[in-house]
Amino acid sequence: HREFIQDPILKQRVTSLIGQEAIHSKLHNEFNDAIKELEYPVDFYRFLGENFFKYVFLKFPQPLKLSLMAGIEHFTAVLAEYMMKHEKNFYYTDDAKSRA
C-alpha cells in the first residue's frame, strides 16, 4: 500500500523495508534449498504455507491481516533473541565458522 503514503520520508522507509524483505525472502529460499538436500520436507511446508496464504489468509479483513503479521514478526524477533542468548542449546559445535 505504498502508493497511499503521502509523507516522502515514510514512503522512502517503506521502500527500504520492501527491499530488506526481498533480501530476507531470497535468503529463506536459499536456506530451504540447502536443507532440502538434507531431506527436510521443504516442498510439503512450502505447499502448506502457500495454500494457507492463498485460500485462508488473503480472505481475512485488512486489519486482521496486519495484526496477524505484526504478531508473527514479534514472535520471530523474540525467538531470534532467545536463540542468540542461548546459542549453546541450538548448536553442537565449538567452531565459530560452523555456527555462522
PDB file of N, CA and C in Angstrom:
ATOM      1  N   HIS A   1       0.813  -1.203   0.000  1.00  0.00           N
ATOM      2  CA  HIS A   1       0.000   0.000   0.000  1.00  0.00           C
ATOM      3  C   HIS A   1       0.852   1.261   0.000  1.00  0.00           C
ATOM      4  N   ARG A   2       2.053   1.116  -0.513  1.00  0.00           N
ATOM      5  CA  ARG A   2       2.991   2.234  -0.555  1.00  0.00           C
ATOM      6  C   ARG A   2       2.414   3.432  -1.298  1.00  0.00           C
ATOM      7  N   GLU A   3       1.587   3.172  -2.297  1.00  0.00           N
ATOM      8  CA  GLU A   3       1.045   4.269  -3.113  1.00  0.00           C
ATOM      9  C   GLU A   3       0.128   5.201  -2.321  1.00  0.00           C
ATOM     10  N   PHE A   4      -0.353   4.759  -1.166  1.00  0.00           N
ATOM     11  CA  PHE A   4      -1.241   5.590  -0.349  1.00  0.00           C
ATOM     12  C   PHE A   4      -0.478   6.503   0.610  1.00  0.00           C
ATOM     13  N   ILE A   5       0.816   6.321   0.719  1.00  0.00           N
ATOM     14  CA  ILE A   5       1.622   7.099   1.664  1.00  0.00           C
ATOM     15  C   ILE A   5       1.966   8.452   1.048  1.00  0.00           C
ATOM     16  N   GLN A   6       1.662   9.515   1.782  1.00  0.00           N
ATOM     17  CA  GLN A   6       1.913  10.874   1.304  1.00  0.00           C
ATOM     18  C   GLN A   6       3.262  11.417   1.775  1.00  0.00           C
ATOM     19  N   ASP A   7       3.666  11.056   2.975  1.00  0.00           N
ATOM     20  CA  ASP A   7       4.909  11.561   3.556  1.00  0.00           C
ATOM     21  C   ASP A   7       6.110  10.962   2.820  1.00  0.00           C
ATOM     22  N   PRO A   8       6.977  11.794   2.214  1.00  0.00           N
ATOM     23  CA  PRO A   8       8.093  11.264   1.424  1.00  0.00           C
ATOM     24  C   PRO A   8       9.117  10.478   2.251  1.00  0.00           C
ATOM     25  N   ILE A   9       9.332  10.879   3.489  1.00  0.00           N
ATOM     26  CA  ILE A   9      10.283  10.154   4.342  1.00  0.00           C
ATOM     27  C   ILE A   9       9.726   8.777   4.690  1.00  0.00           C
ATOM     28  N   LEU A  10       8.462   8.732   5.072  1.00  0.00           N
ATOM     29  CA  LEU A  10       7.835   7.448   5.380  1.00  0.00           C
ATOM     30  C   LEU A  10       7.803   6.558   4.141  1.00  0.00           C
ATOM     31  N   LYS A  11       7.527   7.153   2.997  1.00  0.00           N
ATOM     32  CA  LYS A  11       7.491   6.388   1.748  1.00  0.00           C
ATOM     33  C   LYS A  11       8.861   5.768   1.461  1.00  0.00           C
ATOM     34  N   GLN A  12       9.937   6.534   1.702  1.00  0.00           N
ATOM     35  CA  GLN A  12      11.291   6.010   1.497  1.00  0.00           C
ATOM     36  C   GLN A  12      11.582   4.876   2.476  1.00  0.00           C
ATOM     37  N   ARG A  13      11.136   5.016   3.719  1.00  0.00           N
ATOM     38  CA  ARG A  13      11.345   3.953   4.715  1.00  0.00           C
ATOM     39  C   ARG A  13      10.609   2.678   4.315  1.00  0.00           C
ATOM     40  N   VAL A  14       9.410   2.838   3.808  1.00  0.00           N
ATOM     41  CA  VAL A  14       8.643   1.674   3.349  1.00  0.00           C
ATOM     42  C   VAL A  14       9.351   1.015   2.169  1.00  0.00           C
ATOM     43  N   THR A  15       9.862   1.819   1.258  1.00  0.00           N
ATOM     44  CA  THR A  15      10.604   1.284   0.111  1.00  0.00           C
ATOM     45  C   THR A  15      11.833   0.513   0.584  1.00  0.00           C
ATOM     46  N   SER A  16      12.541   1.053   1.564  1.00  0.00           N
ATOM     47  CA  SER A  16      13.707   0.360   2.121  1.00  0.00           C
ATOM     48  C   SER A  16      13.302  -0.955   2.778  1.00  0.00           C
ATOM     49  N   LEU A  17      12.203  -0.933   3.508  1.00  0.00           N
ATOM     50  CA  LEU A  17      11.716  -2.150   4.157  1.00  0.00           C
ATOM     51  C   LEU A  17      11.365  -3.214   3.121  1.00  0.00           C
ATOM     52  N   ILE A  18      10.746  -2.809   2.040  1.00  0.00           N
ATOM     53  CA  ILE A  18      10.396  -3.757   0.977  1.00  0.00           C
ATOM     54  C   ILE A  18      11.669  -4.389   0.408  1.00  0.00           C
ATOM     55  N   GLY A  19      12.710  -3.586   0.232  1.00  0.00           N
ATOM     56  CA  GLY A  19      13.985  -4.119  -0.243  1.00  0.00           C
ATOM     57  C   GLY A  19      14.591  -5.112   0.730  1.00  0.00           C
ATOM     58  N   GLN A  20      14.531  -4.796   2.028  1.00  0.00           N
ATOM     59  CA  GLN A  20      15.036  -5.713   3.052  1.00  0.00           C
ATOM     60  C   GLN A  20      14.259  -7.019   3.035  1.00  0.00           C
ATOM     61  N   GLU A  21      12.960  -6.924   2.886  1.00  0.00           N
ATOM     62  CA  GLU A  21      12.129  -8.131   2.863  1.00  0.00           C
ATOM     63  C   GLU A  21      12.419  -8.986   1.631  1.00  0.00           C
ATOM     64  N   ALA A  22      12.756  -8.354   0.512  1.00  0.00           N
ATOM     65  CA  ALA A  22      13.114  -9.115  -0.690  1.00  0.00           C
ATOM     66  C   ALA A  22      14.393  -9.917  -0.447  1.00  0.00           C
ATOM     67  N   ILE A  23      15.375  -9.287   0.192  1.00  0.00           N
ATOM     68  CA  ILE A  23      16.615  -9.993   0.525  1.00  0.00           C
ATOM     69  C   ILE A  23      16.327 -11.109   1.520  1.00  0.00           C
ATOM     70  N   HIS A  24      15.499 -10.826   2.512  1.00  0.00           N
ATOM     71  CA  HIS A  24      15.110 -11.810   3.523  1.00  0.00           C
ATOM     72  C   HIS A  24      14.467 -13.027   2.859  1.00  0.00           C
ATOM     73  N   SER A  25      13.571 -12.792   1.935  1.00  0.00           N
ATOM     74  CA  SER A  25      12.898 -13.872   1.217  1.00  0.00           C
ATOM     75  C   SER A  25      13.899 -14.703   0.417  1.00  0.00           C
ATOM     76  N   LYS A  26      14.835 -14.028  -0.241  1.00  0.00           N
ATOM     77  CA  LYS A  26      15.861 -14.725  -1.024  1.00  0.00           C
ATOM     78  C   LYS A  26      16.691 -15.635  -0.122  1.00  0.00           C
ATOM     79  N   LEU A  27      17.075 -15.140   1.054  1.00  0.00           N
ATOM     80  CA  LEU A  27      17.865 -15.943   1.983  1.00  0.00           C
ATOM     81  C   LEU A  27      17.073 -17.141   2.496  1.00  0.00           C
ATOM     82  N   HIS A  28      15.785 -16.944   2.770  1.00  0.00           N
ATOM     83  CA  HIS A  28      14.941 -18.077   3.176  1.00  0.00           C
ATOM     84  C   HIS A  28      14.921 -19.142   2.086  1.00  0.00           C
ATOM     85  N   ASN A  29      14.758 -18.723   0.851  1.00  0.00           N
ATOM     86  CA  ASN A  29      14.722 -19.686  -0.255  1.00  0.00           C
ATOM     87  C   ASN A  29      16.041 -20.427  -0.395  1.00  0.00           C
ATOM     88  N   GLU A  30      17.160 -19.729  -0.246  1.00  0.00           N
ATOM     89  CA  GLU A  30      18.465 -20.383  -0.323  1.00  0.00           C
ATOM     90  C   GLU A  30      18.637 -21.387   0.815  1.00  0.00           C
ATOM     91  N   PHE A  31      18.221 -20.995   2.024  1.00  0.00           N
ATOM     92  CA  PHE A  31      18.310 -21.901   3.169  1.00  0.00           C
ATOM     93  C   PHE A  31      17.426 -23.125   2.948  1.00  0.00           C
ATOM     94  N   ASN A  32      16.192 -22.892   2.515  1.00  0.00           N
ATOM     95  CA  ASN A  32      15.277 -24.008   2.272  1.00  0.00           C
ATOM     96  C   ASN A  32      15.820 -24.956   1.213  1.00  0.00           C
ATOM     97  N   ASP A  33      16.421 -24.410   0.168  1.00  0.00           N
ATOM     98  CA  ASP A  33      17.012 -25.261  -0.866  1.00  0.00           C
ATOM     99  C   ASP A  33      18.156 -26.097  -0.296  1.00  0.00           C
ATOM    100  N   ALA A  34      18.942 -25.506   0.605  1.00  0.00           N
ATOM    101  CA  ALA A  34      20.061 -26.237   1.213  1.00  0.00           C
ATOM    102  C   ALA A  34      19.568 -27.365   2.116  1.00  0.00           C
ATOM    103  N   ILE A  35      18.549 -27.098   2.945  1.00  0.00           N
ATOM    104  CA  ILE A  35      18.090 -28.165   3.844  1.00  0.00           C
ATOM    105  C   ILE A  35      17.258 -29.212   3.108  1.00  0.00           C
ATOM    106  N   LYS A  36      16.721 -28.841   1.956  1.00  0.00           N
ATOM    107  CA  LYS A  36      16.006 -29.822   1.132  1.00  0.00           C
ATOM    108  C   LYS A  36      16.960 -30.938   0.709  1.00  0.00           C
ATOM    109  N   GLU A  37      18.201 -30.573   0.436  1.00  0.00           N
ATOM    110  CA  GLU A  37      19.209 -31.566   0.075  1.00  0.00           C
ATOM    111  C   GLU A  37      19.496 -32.520   1.229  1.00  0.00           C
ATOM    112  N   LEU A  38      19.175 -32.109   2.458  1.00  0.00           N
ATOM    113  CA  LEU A  38      19.348 -32.964   3.638  1.00  0.00           C
ATOM    114  C   LEU A  38      18.070 -33.739   3.954  1.00  0.00           C
ATOM    115  N   GLU A  39      17.151 -33.740   3.005  1.00  0.00           N
ATOM    116  CA  GLU A  39      15.893 -34.485   3.068  1.00  0.00           C
ATOM    117  C   GLU A  39      14.872 -33.928   4.056  1.00  0.00           C
ATOM    118  N   TYR A  40      14.956 -32.623   4.333  1.00  0.00           N
ATOM    119  CA  TYR A  40      13.884 -31.982   5.087  1.00  0.00           C
ATOM    120  C   TYR A  40      12.691 -31.813   4.146  1.00  0.00           C
ATOM    121  N   PRO A  41      11.460 -31.910   4.669  1.00  0.00           N
ATOM    122  CA  PRO A  41      10.263 -31.852   3.801  1.00  0.00           C
ATOM    123  C   PRO A  41       9.891 -30.427   3.383  1.00  0.00           C
ATOM    124  N   VAL A  42      10.812 -29.755   2.746  1.00  0.00           N
ATOM    125  CA  VAL A  42      10.643 -28.350   2.373  1.00  0.00           C
ATOM    126  C   VAL A  42       9.451 -28.158   1.443  1.00  0.00           C
ATOM    127  N   ASP A  43       9.318 -29.021   0.445  1.00  0.00           N
ATOM    128  CA  ASP A  43       8.215 -28.864  -0.513  1.00  0.00           C
ATOM    129  C   ASP A  43       6.857 -28.964   0.180  1.00  0.00           C
ATOM    130  N   PHE A  44       6.741 -29.857   1.146  1.00  0.00           N
ATOM    131  CA  PHE A  44       5.486 -30.020   1.880  1.00  0.00           C
ATOM    132  C   PHE A  44       5.143 -28.740   2.646  1.00  0.00           C
ATOM    133  N   TYR A  45       6.138 -28.173   3.344  1.00  0.00           N
ATOM    134  CA  TYR A  45       5.879 -26.957   4.120  1.00  0.00           C
ATOM    135  C   TYR A  45       5.632 -25.750   3.223  1.00  0.00           C
ATOM    136  N   ARG A  46       6.308 -25.692   2.079  1.00  0.00           N
ATOM    137  CA  ARG A  46       6.016 -24.621   1.122  1.00  0.00           C
ATOM    138  C   ARG A  46       4.578 -24.746   0.622  1.00  0.00           C
ATOM    139  N   PHE A  47       4.155 -25.968   0.333  1.00  0.00           N
ATOM    140  CA  PHE A  47       2.783 -26.217  -0.116  1.00  0.00           C
ATOM    141  C   PHE A  47       1.784 -25.740   0.938  1.00  0.00           C
ATOM    142  N   LEU A  48       2.011 -26.119   2.200  1.00  0.00           N
ATOM    143  CA  LEU A  48       1.106 -25.697   3.277  1.00  0.00           C
ATOM    144  C   LEU A  48       1.064 -24.173   3.398  1.00  0.00           C
ATOM    145  N   GLY A  49       2.234 -23.552   3.405  1.00  0.00           N
ATOM    146  CA  GLY A  49       2.291 -22.098   3.548  1.00  0.00           C
ATOM    147  C   GLY A  49       1.621 -21.369   2.402  1.00  0.00           C
ATOM    148  N   GLU A  50       1.932 -21.786   1.182  1.00  0.00           N
ATOM    149  CA  GLU A  50       1.343 -21.128   0.013  1.00  0.00           C
ATOM    150  C   GLU A  50      -0.175 -21.267  -0.003  1.00  0.00           C
ATOM    151  N   ASN A  51      -0.670 -22.442   0.321  1.00  0.00           N
ATOM    152  CA  ASN A  51      -2.116 -22.653   0.293  1.00  0.00           C
ATOM    153  C   ASN A  51      -2.824 -21.961   1.446  1.00  0.00           C
ATOM    154  N   PHE A  52      -2.175 -21.883   2.607  1.00  0.00           N
ATOM    155  CA  PHE A  52      -2.771 -21.144   3.712  1.00  0.00           C
ATOM    156  C   PHE A  52      -2.938 -19.680   3.320  1.00  0.00           C
ATOM    157  N   PHE A  53      -1.890 -19.094   2.751  1.00  0.00           N
ATOM    158  CA  PHE A  53      -1.987 -17.686   2.368  1.00  0.00           C
ATOM    159  C   PHE A  53      -2.990 -17.489   1.241  1.00  0.00           C
ATOM    160  N   LYS A  54      -2.988 -18.376   0.279  1.00  0.00           N
ATOM    161  CA  LYS A  54      -3.863 -18.219  -0.885  1.00  0.00           C
ATOM    162  C   LYS A  54      -5.337 -18.405  -0.533  1.00  0.00           C
ATOM    163  N   TYR A  55      -5.651 -19.419   0.264  1.00  0.00           N
ATOM    164  CA  TYR A  55      -7.049 -19.775   0.499  1.00  0.00           C
ATOM    165  C   TYR A  55      -7.605 -19.348   1.855  1.00  0.00           C
ATOM    166  N   VAL A  56      -6.747 -18.943   2.779  1.00  0.00           N
ATOM    167  CA  VAL A  56      -7.237 -18.558   4.104  1.00  0.00           C
ATOM    168  C   VAL A  56      -6.848 -17.111   4.423  1.00  0.00           C
ATOM    169  N   PHE A  57      -5.560 -16.852   4.535  1.00  0.00           N
ATOM    170  CA  PHE A  57      -5.076 -15.551   4.993  1.00  0.00           C
ATOM    171  C   PHE A  57      -5.598 -14.396   4.148  1.00  0.00           C
ATOM    172  N   LEU A  58      -5.560 -14.536   2.835  1.00  0.00           N
ATOM    173  CA  LEU A  58      -5.979 -13.435   1.960  1.00  0.00           C
ATOM    174  C   LEU A  58      -7.472 -13.143   2.031  1.00  0.00           C
ATOM    175  N   LYS A  59      -8.232 -14.020   2.638  1.00  0.00           N
ATOM    176  CA  LYS A  59      -9.678 -13.804   2.798  1.00  0.00           C
ATOM    177  C   LYS A  59      -9.997 -12.954   4.035  1.00  0.00           C
ATOM    178  N   PHE A  60      -9.018 -12.794   4.925  1.00  0.00           N
ATOM    179  CA  PHE A  60      -9.235 -12.028   6.147  1.00  0.00           C
ATOM    180  C   PHE A  60      -9.350 -10.540   5.832  1.00  0.00           C
ATOM    181  N   PRO A  61     -10.061  -9.778   6.685  1.00  0.00           N
ATOM    182  CA  PRO A  61     -10.093  -8.320   6.512  1.00  0.00           C
ATOM    183  C   PRO A  61      -8.697  -7.727   6.762  1.00  0.00           C
ATOM    184  N   GLN A  62      -8.424  -6.609   6.129  1.00  0.00           N
ATOM    185  CA  GLN A  62      -7.096  -5.993   6.192  1.00  0.00           C
ATOM    186  C   GLN A  62      -6.599  -5.762   7.623  1.00  0.00           C
ATOM    187  N   PRO A  63      -7.420  -5.249   8.551  1.00  0.00           N
ATOM    188  CA  PRO A  63      -6.902  -5.044   9.913  1.00  0.00           C
ATOM    189  C   PRO A  63      -6.451  -6.350  10.580  1.00  0.00           C
ATOM    190  N   LEU A  64      -7.156  -7.445  10.318  1.00  0.00           N
ATOM    191  CA  LEU A  64      -6.769  -8.731  10.896  1.00  0.00           C
ATOM    192  C   LEU A  64      -5.465  -9.220  10.272  1.00  0.00           C
ATOM    193  N   LYS A  65      -5.318  -9.062   8.957  1.00  0.00           N
ATOM    194  CA  LYS A  65      -4.071  -9.473   8.297  1.00  0.00           C
ATOM    195  C   LYS A  65      -2.886  -8.699   8.876  1.00  0.00           C
ATOM    196  N   LEU A  66      -3.073  -7.399   9.059  1.00  0.00           N
ATOM    197  CA  LEU A  66      -1.995  -6.578   9.601  1.00  0.00           C
ATOM    198  C   LEU A  66      -1.633  -7.014  11.017  1.00  0.00           C
ATOM    199  N   SER A  67      -2.643  -7.254  11.849  1.00  0.00           N
ATOM    200  CA  SER A  67      -2.357  -7.643  13.232  1.00  0.00           C
ATOM    201  C   SER A  67      -1.712  -9.026  13.302  1.00  0.00           C
ATOM    202  N   LEU A  68      -2.135  -9.949  12.449  1.00  0.00           N
ATOM    203  CA  LEU A  68      -1.508 -11.274  12.427  1.00  0.00           C
ATOM    204  C   LEU A  68      -0.047 -11.182  11.994  1.00  0.00           C
ATOM    205  N   MET A  69       0.227 -10.399  10.967  1.00  0.00           N
ATOM    206  CA  MET A  69       1.613 -10.263  10.509  1.00  0.00           C
ATOM    207  C   MET A  69       2.474  -9.590  11.574  1.00  0.00           C
ATOM    208  N   ALA A  70       1.936  -8.603  12.264  1.00  0.00           N
ATOM    209  CA  ALA A  70       2.687  -7.953  13.343  1.00  0.00           C
ATOM    210  C   ALA A  70       2.986  -8.962  14.449  1.00  0.00           C
ATOM    211  N   GLY A  71       2.013  -9.799  14.774  1.00  0.00           N
ATOM    212  CA  GLY A  71       2.219 -10.831  15.789  1.00  0.00           C
ATOM    213  C   GLY A  71       3.274 -11.838  15.378  1.00  0.00           C
ATOM    214  N   ILE A  72       3.244 -12.260  14.126  1.00  0.00           N
ATOM    215  CA  ILE A  72       4.241 -13.212  13.622  1.00  0.00           C
ATOM    216  C   ILE A  72       5.632 -12.584  13.666  1.00  0.00           C
ATOM    217  N   GLU A  73       5.741 -11.335  13.246  1.00  0.00           N
ATOM    218  CA  GLU A  73       7.040 -10.655  13.276  1.00  0.00           C
ATOM    219  C   GLU A  73       7.550 -10.532  14.710  1.00  0.00           C
ATOM    220  N   HIS A  74       6.663 -10.211  15.640  1.00  0.00           N
ATOM    221  CA  HIS A  74       7.064 -10.093  17.039  1.00  0.00           C
ATOM    222  C   HIS A  74       7.545 -11.443  17.564  1.00  0.00           C
ATOM    223  N   PHE A  75       6.800 -12.505  17.269  1.00  0.00           N
ATOM    224  CA  PHE A  75       7.180 -13.843  17.718  1.00  0.00           C
ATOM    225  C   PHE A  75       8.561 -14.222  17.190  1.00  0.00           C
ATOM    226  N   THR A  76       8.812 -13.985  15.904  1.00  0.00           N
ATOM    227  CA  THR A  76      10.111 -14.368  15.346  1.00  0.00           C
ATOM    228  C   THR A  76      11.241 -13.529  15.942  1.00  0.00           C
ATOM    229  N   ALA A  77      10.976 -12.269  16.256  1.00  0.00           N
ATOM    230  CA  ALA A  77      12.004 -11.434  16.888  1.00  0.00           C
ATOM    231  C   ALA A  77      12.333 -11.959  18.286  1.00  0.00           C
ATOM    232  N   VAL A  78      11.311 -12.322  19.052  1.00  0.00           N
ATOM    233  CA  VAL A  78      11.527 -12.859  20.399  1.00  0.00           C
ATOM    234  C   VAL A  78      12.270 -14.191  20.318  1.00  0.00           C
ATOM    235  N   LEU A  79      11.878 -15.047  19.382  1.00  0.00           N
ATOM    236  CA  LEU A  79      12.540 -16.335  19.207  1.00  0.00           C
ATOM    237  C   LEU A  79      14.005 -16.144  18.819  1.00  0.00           C
ATOM    238  N   ALA A  80      14.281 -15.244  17.887  1.00  0.00           N
ATOM    239  CA  ALA A  80      15.664 -14.996  17.464  1.00  0.00           C
ATOM    240  C   ALA A  80      16.507 -14.479  18.622  1.00  0.00           C
ATOM    241  N   GLU A  81      15.951 -13.567  19.405  1.00  0.00           N
ATOM    242  CA  GLU A  81      16.687 -13.046  20.554  1.00  0.00           C
ATOM    243  C   GLU A  81      16.990 -14.166  21.545  1.00  0.00           C
ATOM    244  N   TYR A  82      16.014 -15.020  21.811  1.00  0.00           N
ATOM    245  CA  TYR A  82      16.217 -16.141  22.731  1.00  0.00           C
ATOM    246  C   TYR A  82      17.306 -17.074  22.202  1.00  0.00           C
ATOM    247  N   MET A  83      17.243 -17.389  20.918  1.00  0.00           N
ATOM    248  CA  MET A  83      18.226 -18.308  20.340  1.00  0.00           C
ATOM    249  C   MET A  83      19.636 -17.722  20.398  1.00  0.00           C
ATOM    250  N   MET A  84      19.763 -16.427  20.186  1.00  0.00           N
ATOM    251  CA  MET A  84      21.090 -15.816  20.251  1.00  0.00           C
ATOM    252  C   MET A  84      21.623 -15.802  21.682  1.00  0.00           C
ATOM    253  N   LYS A  85      20.748 -15.629  22.650  1.00  0.00           N
ATOM    254  CA  LYS A  85      21.177 -15.618  24.049  1.00  0.00           C
ATOM    255  C   LYS A  85      21.460 -17.020  24.573  1.00  0.00           C
ATOM    256  N   HIS A  86      20.890 -18.038  23.943  1.00  0.00           N
ATOM    257  CA  HIS A  86      21.048 -19.428  24.387  1.00  0.00           C
ATOM    258  C   HIS A  86      21.603 -20.290  23.259  1.00  0.00           C
ATOM    259  N   GLU A  87      22.605 -19.752  22.596  1.00  0.00           N
ATOM    260  CA  GLU A  87      23.168 -20.404  21.416  1.00  0.00           C
ATOM    261  C   GLU A  87      23.600 -21.841  21.698  1.00  0.00           C
ATOM    262  N   LYS A  88      24.128 -22.095  22.877  1.00  0.00           N
ATOM    263  CA  LYS A  88      24.638 -23.437  23.192  1.00  0.00           C
ATOM    264  C   LYS A  88      23.543 -24.500  23.133  1.00  0.00           C
ATOM    265  N   ASN A  89      22.289 -24.103  23.289  1.00  0.00           N
ATOM    266  CA  ASN A  89      21.183 -25.064  23.223  1.00  0.00           C
ATOM    267  C   ASN A  89      20.802 -25.436  21.795  1.00  0.00           C
ATOM    268  N   PHE A  90      21.295 -24.690  20.820  1.00  0.00           N
ATOM    269  CA  PHE A  90      20.868 -24.900  19.440  1.00  0.00           C
ATOM    270  C   PHE A  90      21.982 -25.366  18.509  1.00  0.00           C
ATOM    271  N   TYR A  91      23.222 -25.224  18.937  1.00  0.00           N
ATOM    272  CA  TYR A  91      24.349 -25.597  18.084  1.00  0.00           C
ATOM    273  C   TYR A  91      25.244 -26.561  18.837  1.00  0.00           C
ATOM    274  N   TYR A  92      25.711 -27.554  18.135  1.00  0.00           N
ATOM    275  CA  TYR A  92      26.508 -28.595  18.768  1.00  0.00           C
ATOM    276  C   TYR A  92      27.952 -28.565  18.285  1.00  0.00           C
ATOM    277  N   THR A  93      28.508 -27.394  18.155  1.00  0.00           N
ATOM    278  CA  THR A  93      29.892 -27.255  17.726  1.00  0.00           C
ATOM    279  C   THR A  93      30.516 -26.061  18.425  1.00  0.00           C
ATOM    280  N   ASP A  94      31.807 -26.157  18.646  1.00  0.00           N
ATOM    281  CA  ASP A  94      32.544 -25.025  19.204  1.00  0.00           C
ATOM    282  C   ASP A  94      33.186 -24.187  18.106  1.00  0.00           C
ATOM    283  N   ASP A  95      33.064 -24.647  16.874  1.00  0.00           N
ATOM    284  CA  ASP A  95      33.667 -23.966  15.733  1.00  0.00           C
ATOM    285  C   ASP A  95      32.788 -22.791  15.302  1.00  0.00           C
ATOM    286  N   ALA A  96      33.303 -21.579  15.454  1.00  0.00           N
ATOM    287  CA  ALA A  96      32.522 -20.379  15.118  1.00  0.00           C
ATOM    288  C   ALA A  96      32.118 -20.356  13.652  1.00  0.00           C
ATOM    289  N   LYS A  97      32.970 -20.866  12.763  1.00  0.00           N
ATOM    290  CA  LYS A  97      32.639 -20.876  11.338  1.00  0.00           C
ATOM    291  C   LYS A  97      31.432 -21.767  11.063  1.00  0.00           C
ATOM    292  N   SER A  98      31.313 -22.858  11.772  1.00  0.00           N
ATOM    293  CA  SER A  98      30.175 -23.764  11.566  1.00  0.00           C
ATOM    294  C   SER A  98      28.873 -23.147  12.037  1.00  0.00           C
ATOM    295  N   ARG A  99      28.952 -22.284  13.057  1.00  0.00           N
ATOM    296  CA  ARG A  99      27.735 -21.675  13.593  1.00  0.00           C
ATOM    297  C   ARG A  99      27.283 -20.483  12.768  1.00  0.00           C
ATOM    298  N   ALA A 100      28.178 -19.895  11.999  1.00  0.00           N
ATOM    299  CA  ALA A 100      27.856 -18.669  11.250  1.00  0.00           C
ATOM    300  C   ALA A 100      26.874 -18.927  10.142  1.00  0.00           C
TER     301      ALA A 100
END
